């Protein structure tokens, strides 16, 4: 009981100090010019105002405070941009000033932020990785070559839904979209299906990706109150460390398997992402990219599976797609079953 009382006293003391600091900052004149925004509470800022649907709350606030506004998320000052013109200013015209990203605390696991191109600051290492990706992976020829694969995986999803409808089985749209996205990404990287229920490696990988998605998708107190990063109160970083560790081991195993196959006679190049990156390492033999960069690049690729939630939203609310893509395109999908590349 005494320990609990001490913890409560320390917590209340910390909250009081934070509240006094917040009040002092309000009273102290500052030369920093920030965009307008809603009034914030001490300690928690505007967190309560976002509710359980922050995208809708931000849209409502933008109507009041304009296309660029300031929010206080806990102890973190955040600038929100909510118009096409302002987004163009940030992402295109002044992109160099805004390209460095705020790294969520959970992604410090296994030094992911030091190896991943997605989180590296603008530097020679980031430019080298970006040049390699643009030259060997994200070229228009490579994207066009994968068009049949994308169409095939979406056709498999449609066939699964149609078969379930004929059999009278309920369809979990979220899981179906997740499996389709995972198979699309894994075929692009490794030329195998990693959502295959009959494969032990596939089942493990699917569980790891799902665990990472769950942890990455939840709010983390340490991101809003940086003083809590050292103690990781919700255990987000510790769980992500476990997931990342298992996934990196799995990638190591797959890379070793591929290297053994390449050394054997009669090996046929698959021209997937793994083959391309291994060739880049063999040809350059430099420090521009190494095995760690490859593994963490693959980890970033798994985050693309997040977009399965967008597909789920479209399937559950087809009116959204018809408003953005036109009713005729939606009708083509429903009537003939053909998949159109622009919609994918």
Protein backbone atom coordinates (compact mmCIF):
# COMPACT_ATOMS: atom_id res chain seq x y z
CA UNK A 1 0.00 0.00 0.00
CA UNK A 2 2.90 2.34 0.83
CA UNK A 3 4.44 1.67 -2.59
CA UNK A 4 1.15 2.49 -4.30
CA UNK A 5 0.84 5.71 -2.32
CA UNK A 6 4.38 6.73 -3.33
CA UNK A 7 3.62 6.04 -7.00
CA UNK A 8 0.42 8.11 -6.82
CA UNK A 9 2.26 10.98 -5.12
CA UNK A 10 4.99 10.95 -7.75
CA UNK A 11 2.41 10.86 -10.54
CA UNK A 12 0.43 13.76 -9.07
CA UNK A 13 3.63 15.75 -8.52
CA UNK A 14 4.72 15.18 -12.11
CA UNK A 15 1.30 16.24 -13.44
CA UNK A 16 1.39 19.37 -11.26
CA UNK A 17 4.86 20.31 -12.56
CA UNK A 18 3.77 19.78 -16.17
CA UNK A 19 0.62 21.84 -15.59
CA UNK A 20 2.61 24.71 -14.05
CA UNK A 21 5.08 24.62 -16.96
CA UNK A 22 2.20 24.73 -19.43
CA UNK A 23 0.63 27.72 -17.65
CA UNK A 24 3.98 29.50 -17.51
CA UNK A 25 4.48 29.05 -21.25
CA UNK A 26 1.04 30.56 -21.87
CA UNK A 27 1.84 33.63 -19.80
CA UNK A 28 5.35 34.08 -21.18
CA UNK A 29 5.49 36.18 -24.36
CA UNK A 30 7.03 34.35 -27.28
CA UNK A 31 8.26 35.40 -30.69
CA UNK A 32 7.34 32.06 -32.28
CA UNK A 33 4.50 32.58 -34.70
CA UNK A 34 2.28 29.51 -34.88
CA UNK A 35 -0.93 29.10 -36.89
CA UNK A 36 -4.21 29.52 -35.02
CA UNK A 37 -5.82 26.57 -33.30
CA UNK A 38 -8.22 25.53 -30.54
CA UNK A 39 -7.43 26.30 -26.92
CA UNK A 40 -5.61 23.46 -25.19
CA UNK A 41 -5.82 22.09 -21.66
CA UNK A 42 -2.78 21.89 -19.38
CA UNK A 43 -0.83 18.60 -19.63
CA UNK A 44 -3.14 16.82 -22.11
CA UNK A 45 -3.42 19.64 -24.67
CA UNK A 46 -6.06 18.91 -27.33
CA UNK A 47 -6.02 15.11 -27.03
CA UNK A 48 -9.57 14.91 -25.66
CA UNK A 49 -10.89 16.98 -28.55
CA UNK A 50 -9.87 14.37 -31.12
CA UNK A 51 -12.16 11.64 -29.76
CA UNK A 52 -12.29 8.13 -31.25
CA UNK A 53 -12.47 9.44 -34.86
CA UNK A 54 -9.63 11.96 -35.09
CA UNK A 55 -9.91 12.40 -38.88
CA UNK A 56 -13.47 13.70 -38.52
CA UNK A 57 -12.53 15.86 -35.53
CA UNK A 58 -9.67 17.41 -37.54
CA UNK A 59 -12.03 18.10 -40.45
CA UNK A 60 -14.42 19.93 -38.10
CA UNK A 61 -11.59 21.94 -36.54
CA UNK A 62 -10.26 22.90 -39.97
CA UNK A 63 -13.59 24.51 -40.81
CA UNK A 64 -13.18 26.74 -37.75
CA UNK A 65 -9.43 27.45 -37.69
CA UNK A 66 -8.52 27.22 -41.36
CA UNK A 67 -6.45 24.90 -43.57
CA UNK A 68 -3.36 25.17 -41.34
CA UNK A 69 -3.74 25.05 -37.56
CA UNK A 70 -1.81 24.28 -34.39
CA UNK A 71 -2.74 21.49 -32.00
CA UNK A 72 -1.14 20.51 -28.74
CA UNK A 73 -1.09 16.71 -28.54
CA UNK A 74 0.01 16.11 -24.98
CA UNK A 75 3.32 17.95 -24.77
CA UNK A 76 3.97 17.85 -28.53
CA UNK A 77 3.13 20.87 -30.70
CA UNK A 78 1.63 19.65 -33.97
CA UNK A 79 0.84 21.59 -37.14
CA UNK A 80 -2.12 20.18 -39.09
CA UNK A 81 -2.54 20.88 -42.82
CA UNK A 82 -5.89 20.05 -44.36
CA UNK A 83 -6.11 21.57 -47.83
CA UNK A 84 -4.74 20.65 -51.26
CA UNK A 85 -2.93 23.95 -51.73
CA UNK A 86 -1.21 23.86 -48.34
CA UNK A 87 -0.27 20.20 -48.82
CA UNK A 88 1.32 21.10 -52.17
CA UNK A 89 3.36 23.81 -50.47
CA UNK A 90 4.69 21.32 -47.93
CA UNK A 91 5.10 18.19 -50.06
CA UNK A 92 6.31 19.71 -53.32
CA UNK A 93 7.51 23.29 -53.11
CA UNK A 94 9.14 23.23 -49.65
CA UNK A 95 9.58 19.46 -49.35
CA UNK A 96 13.25 19.68 -48.33
CA UNK A 97 12.35 21.54 -45.14
CA UNK A 98 9.63 19.08 -44.14
CA UNK A 99 10.99 15.72 -45.32
CA UNK A 100 12.43 14.62 -41.96
CA UNK A 101 9.82 12.66 -40.04
CA UNK A 102 8.93 12.42 -36.38
CA UNK A 103 9.79 8.85 -35.41
CA UNK A 104 7.24 7.02 -33.24
CA UNK A 105 8.84 5.62 -30.11
CA UNK A 106 7.90 2.02 -31.00
CA UNK A 107 9.99 2.21 -34.20
CA UNK A 108 13.22 2.67 -32.27
CA UNK A 109 13.12 -1.12 -31.81
CA UNK A 110 16.22 -2.83 -33.25
CA UNK A 111 17.52 0.58 -34.43
CA UNK A 112 14.94 0.45 -37.22
CA UNK A 113 15.12 4.24 -37.55
CA UNK A 114 18.87 4.05 -38.31
CA UNK A 115 18.62 1.55 -41.19
CA UNK A 116 15.24 2.24 -42.76
CA UNK A 117 15.01 4.70 -45.65
CA UNK A 118 11.54 5.68 -44.44
CA UNK A 119 12.88 7.22 -41.22
CA UNK A 120 16.41 8.32 -42.06
CA UNK A 121 16.97 12.10 -42.12
CA UNK A 122 18.10 13.71 -45.36
CA UNK A 123 21.73 12.61 -45.66
CA UNK A 124 24.12 10.82 -47.99
CA UNK A 125 22.90 7.44 -46.69
CA UNK A 126 19.27 8.40 -47.38
CA UNK A 127 20.13 9.71 -50.87
CA UNK A 128 22.04 6.51 -51.74
CA UNK A 129 19.16 4.27 -50.66
CA UNK A 130 16.66 6.45 -52.49
CA UNK A 131 18.79 6.36 -55.65
CA UNK A 132 19.01 2.56 -55.54
CA UNK A 133 15.26 2.18 -55.01
CA UNK A 134 14.39 4.60 -57.79
CA UNK A 135 16.87 3.01 -60.21
CA UNK A 136 16.22 -0.68 -59.54
CA UNK A 137 12.87 -1.17 -57.77
CA UNK A 138 10.36 1.63 -58.37
CA UNK A 139 11.00 2.18 -62.08
CA UNK A 140 8.00 2.33 -64.40
CA UNK A 141 9.21 -0.88 -66.10
CA UNK A 142 9.19 -2.79 -62.79
CA UNK A 143 5.77 -1.46 -61.84
CA UNK A 144 4.36 -2.37 -65.26
CA UNK A 145 5.90 -5.85 -64.99
CA UNK A 146 3.99 -6.42 -61.73
CA UNK A 147 0.65 -5.39 -63.20
CA UNK A 148 -0.37 -8.99 -63.92
CA UNK A 149 0.55 -9.98 -60.35
CA UNK A 150 -1.61 -7.20 -58.91
CA UNK A 151 -4.52 -8.15 -61.13
CA UNK A 152 -4.14 -11.85 -60.27
CA UNK A 153 -4.21 -11.25 -56.50
CA UNK A 154 -7.29 -9.01 -56.67
CA UNK A 155 -8.99 -11.57 -58.93
CA UNK A 156 -8.23 -14.23 -56.28
CA UNK A 157 -9.87 -12.01 -53.67
CA UNK A 158 -12.97 -11.56 -55.83
CA UNK A 159 -13.11 -15.31 -56.48
CA UNK A 160 -12.88 -16.03 -52.75
CA UNK A 161 -15.72 -13.61 -51.97
CA UNK A 162 -17.89 -15.05 -54.76
CA UNK A 163 -17.26 -18.63 -53.60
CA UNK A 164 -18.14 -17.69 -50.01
CA UNK A 165 -21.34 -16.03 -51.22
CA UNK A 166 -22.37 -19.15 -53.15
CA UNK A 167 -21.64 -21.34 -50.11
CA UNK A 168 -23.48 -18.97 -47.77
CA UNK A 169 -20.38 -18.33 -45.62
CA UNK A 170 -19.73 -15.01 -43.91
CA UNK A 171 -16.72 -13.12 -45.26
CA UNK A 172 -14.36 -11.28 -42.93
CA UNK A 173 -13.52 -8.42 -45.31
CA UNK A 174 -10.69 -7.16 -43.11
CA UNK A 175 -8.91 -10.54 -43.01
CA UNK A 176 -9.51 -11.18 -46.71
CA UNK A 177 -8.11 -7.79 -47.69
CA UNK A 178 -5.20 -8.27 -45.29
CA UNK A 179 -4.31 -11.67 -46.82
CA UNK A 180 -4.54 -10.26 -50.36
CA UNK A 181 -2.28 -7.31 -49.53
CA UNK A 182 0.18 -9.56 -47.72
CA UNK A 183 0.39 -12.02 -50.63
CA UNK A 184 0.86 -9.17 -53.09
CA UNK A 185 3.73 -7.69 -51.07
CA UNK A 186 5.37 -11.07 -50.36
CA UNK A 187 5.24 -12.08 -54.03
CA UNK A 188 6.80 -8.77 -55.00
CA UNK A 189 9.62 -9.29 -52.49
CA UNK A 190 10.13 -13.07 -52.28
CA UNK A 191 7.96 -14.59 -55.08
CA UNK A 192 5.96 -16.63 -52.55
CA UNK A 193 2.58 -16.37 -50.83
CA UNK A 194 3.05 -15.54 -47.15
CA UNK A 195 -0.64 -15.75 -46.30
CA UNK A 196 -0.79 -19.46 -47.12
CA UNK A 197 -2.48 -21.26 -44.16
CA UNK A 198 -0.67 -24.52 -45.02
CA UNK A 199 2.83 -23.06 -44.50
CA UNK A 200 4.34 -22.72 -41.01
CA UNK A 201 6.60 -19.84 -42.12
CA UNK A 202 3.63 -18.12 -43.75
CA UNK A 203 1.52 -18.43 -40.60
CA UNK A 204 4.33 -17.04 -38.44
CA UNK A 205 4.94 -14.16 -40.83
CA UNK A 206 1.24 -13.30 -41.00
CA UNK A 207 1.02 -13.24 -37.20
CA UNK A 208 4.08 -10.98 -37.00
CA UNK A 209 2.70 -8.54 -39.59
CA UNK A 210 -0.65 -8.46 -37.81
CA UNK A 211 1.06 -7.82 -34.46
CA UNK A 212 3.13 -4.97 -35.94
CA UNK A 213 0.01 -3.45 -37.50
CA UNK A 214 -1.83 -3.57 -34.17
CA UNK A 215 1.04 -1.98 -32.23
CA UNK A 216 1.77 0.66 -34.88
CA UNK A 217 -1.91 1.57 -35.18
CA UNK A 218 -2.53 2.27 -31.49
CA UNK A 219 -1.78 5.61 -29.84
CA UNK A 220 1.30 5.58 -27.61
CA UNK A 221 1.58 7.82 -24.56
CA UNK A 222 5.34 8.05 -25.07
CA UNK A 223 4.76 9.83 -28.41
CA UNK A 224 2.65 12.53 -26.74
CA UNK A 225 4.71 12.82 -23.54
CA UNK A 226 8.41 12.41 -24.49
CA UNK A 227 9.42 12.21 -20.81
CA UNK A 228 7.78 8.75 -20.72
CA UNK A 229 9.95 7.29 -23.51
CA UNK A 230 12.51 5.87 -21.09
CA UNK A 231 9.95 3.81 -19.19
CA UNK A 232 7.72 2.78 -22.14
CA UNK A 233 4.57 2.72 -19.93
CA UNK A 234 2.35 0.82 -22.39
CA UNK A 235 5.05 -1.61 -23.49
CA UNK A 236 4.67 -0.66 -27.15
CA UNK A 237 8.42 -0.53 -27.87
CA UNK A 238 9.15 -3.76 -26.00
CA UNK A 239 6.47 -5.69 -27.93
CA UNK A 240 7.60 -4.14 -31.21
CA UNK A 241 11.17 -5.23 -30.38
CA UNK A 242 9.95 -8.82 -30.14
CA UNK A 243 8.02 -8.60 -33.42
CA UNK A 244 10.87 -6.90 -35.27
CA UNK A 245 13.40 -9.39 -33.91
CA UNK A 246 11.40 -12.39 -35.14
CA UNK A 247 10.73 -10.76 -38.51
CA UNK A 248 14.39 -9.86 -39.05
CA UNK A 249 15.34 -13.46 -38.24
CA UNK A 250 12.79 -14.67 -40.77
CA UNK A 251 14.20 -12.32 -43.41
CA UNK A 252 17.72 -13.54 -42.60
CA UNK A 253 16.56 -17.11 -43.18
CA UNK A 254 14.96 -16.20 -46.52
CA UNK A 255 18.06 -14.29 -47.67
CA UNK A 256 20.32 -17.23 -46.77
CA UNK A 257 18.00 -19.58 -48.66
CA UNK A 258 18.12 -17.38 -51.74
CA UNK A 259 21.93 -17.08 -51.60
CA UNK A 260 22.23 -20.89 -51.44
CA UNK A 261 19.93 -21.25 -54.44
CA UNK A 262 21.93 -18.67 -56.41
CA UNK A 263 25.13 -20.66 -55.78
CA UNK A 264 23.59 -23.85 -57.17
CA UNK A 265 23.52 -24.87 -60.80
CA UNK A 266 20.50 -24.15 -62.94
CA UNK A 267 19.26 -21.27 -60.82
CA UNK A 268 16.68 -19.17 -62.65
CA UNK A 269 16.49 -15.51 -61.65
CA UNK A 270 13.12 -14.57 -60.24
CA UNK A 271 13.62 -10.80 -60.65
CA UNK A 272 11.78 -10.08 -57.42
CA UNK A 273 12.89 -7.37 -55.02
CA UNK A 274 15.20 -9.70 -53.08
CA UNK A 275 17.02 -10.84 -56.22
CA UNK A 276 17.45 -7.25 -57.43
CA UNK A 277 18.86 -5.98 -54.12
CA UNK A 278 21.25 -8.93 -53.76
CA UNK A 279 22.53 -8.18 -57.26
CA UNK A 280 23.03 -4.52 -56.34
CA UNK A 281 25.12 -5.54 -53.32
CA UNK A 282 27.16 -8.00 -55.40
CA UNK A 283 27.79 -5.47 -58.18
CA UNK A 284 28.57 -2.40 -56.12
CA UNK A 285 30.36 -4.00 -53.17
CA UNK A 286 30.14 -0.68 -51.40
CA UNK A 287 28.65 0.70 -48.23
CA UNK A 288 25.69 2.27 -50.04
CA UNK A 289 23.44 -0.62 -49.06
CA UNK A 290 24.02 -3.71 -46.94
CA UNK A 291 22.08 -6.64 -45.54
CA UNK A 292 20.67 -4.60 -42.65
CA UNK A 293 19.29 -1.99 -45.05
CA UNK A 294 17.64 -4.74 -47.10
CA UNK A 295 15.99 -6.35 -44.07
CA UNK A 296 14.69 -3.06 -42.71
CA UNK A 297 13.47 -2.08 -46.19
CA UNK A 298 11.43 -5.29 -46.18
CA UNK A 299 10.08 -4.40 -42.73
CA UNK A 300 8.88 -1.06 -44.12
CA UNK A 301 7.24 -2.94 -47.02
CA UNK A 302 5.08 -4.85 -44.55
CA UNK A 303 3.60 -1.54 -43.37
CA UNK A 304 2.03 -1.24 -46.83
CA UNK A 305 -0.39 -3.93 -45.65
CA UNK A 306 -1.97 -1.10 -43.62
CA UNK A 307 -3.70 -0.12 -46.85
CA UNK A 308 -5.82 -3.27 -46.61
CA UNK A 309 -7.97 -1.23 -44.21
CA UNK A 310 -8.58 1.22 -47.07
CA UNK A 311 -9.67 -1.68 -49.29
CA UNK A 312 -11.95 -2.90 -46.52
CA UNK A 313 -13.53 0.56 -46.31
CA UNK A 314 -14.12 0.62 -50.08
CA UNK A 315 -15.66 -2.86 -50.11
CA UNK A 316 -17.97 -2.03 -47.21
CA UNK A 317 -18.89 1.41 -48.63
CA UNK A 318 -18.80 1.21 -52.44
CA UNK A 319 -20.29 4.69 -52.67
CA UNK A 320 -16.90 6.10 -51.65
CA UNK A 321 -15.28 4.51 -54.69
CA UNK A 322 -18.02 5.66 -57.04
CA UNK A 323 -17.60 9.26 -55.86
CA UNK A 324 -13.83 9.23 -56.40
CA UNK A 325 -13.50 7.01 -59.46
CA UNK A 326 -16.84 7.48 -61.19
CA UNK A 327 -19.93 5.29 -61.21
CA UNK A 328 -19.06 3.73 -64.55
CA UNK A 329 -15.80 2.21 -63.30
CA UNK A 330 -17.58 0.79 -60.27
CA UNK A 331 -20.21 -0.71 -62.56
CA UNK A 332 -17.55 -2.43 -64.66
CA UNK A 333 -16.23 -4.23 -61.59
CA UNK A 334 -19.63 -5.33 -60.40
CA UNK A 335 -21.00 -6.38 -63.80
CA UNK A 336 -18.10 -8.09 -65.51
CA UNK A 337 -15.76 -8.93 -62.62
CA UNK A 338 -12.81 -7.35 -64.42
CA UNK A 339 -10.26 -5.50 -62.34
CA UNK A 340 -9.17 -2.08 -63.56
CA UNK A 341 -5.60 -1.05 -62.79
CA UNK A 342 -6.44 2.62 -61.92
CA UNK A 343 -8.81 1.40 -59.20
CA UNK A 344 -6.27 -0.95 -57.69
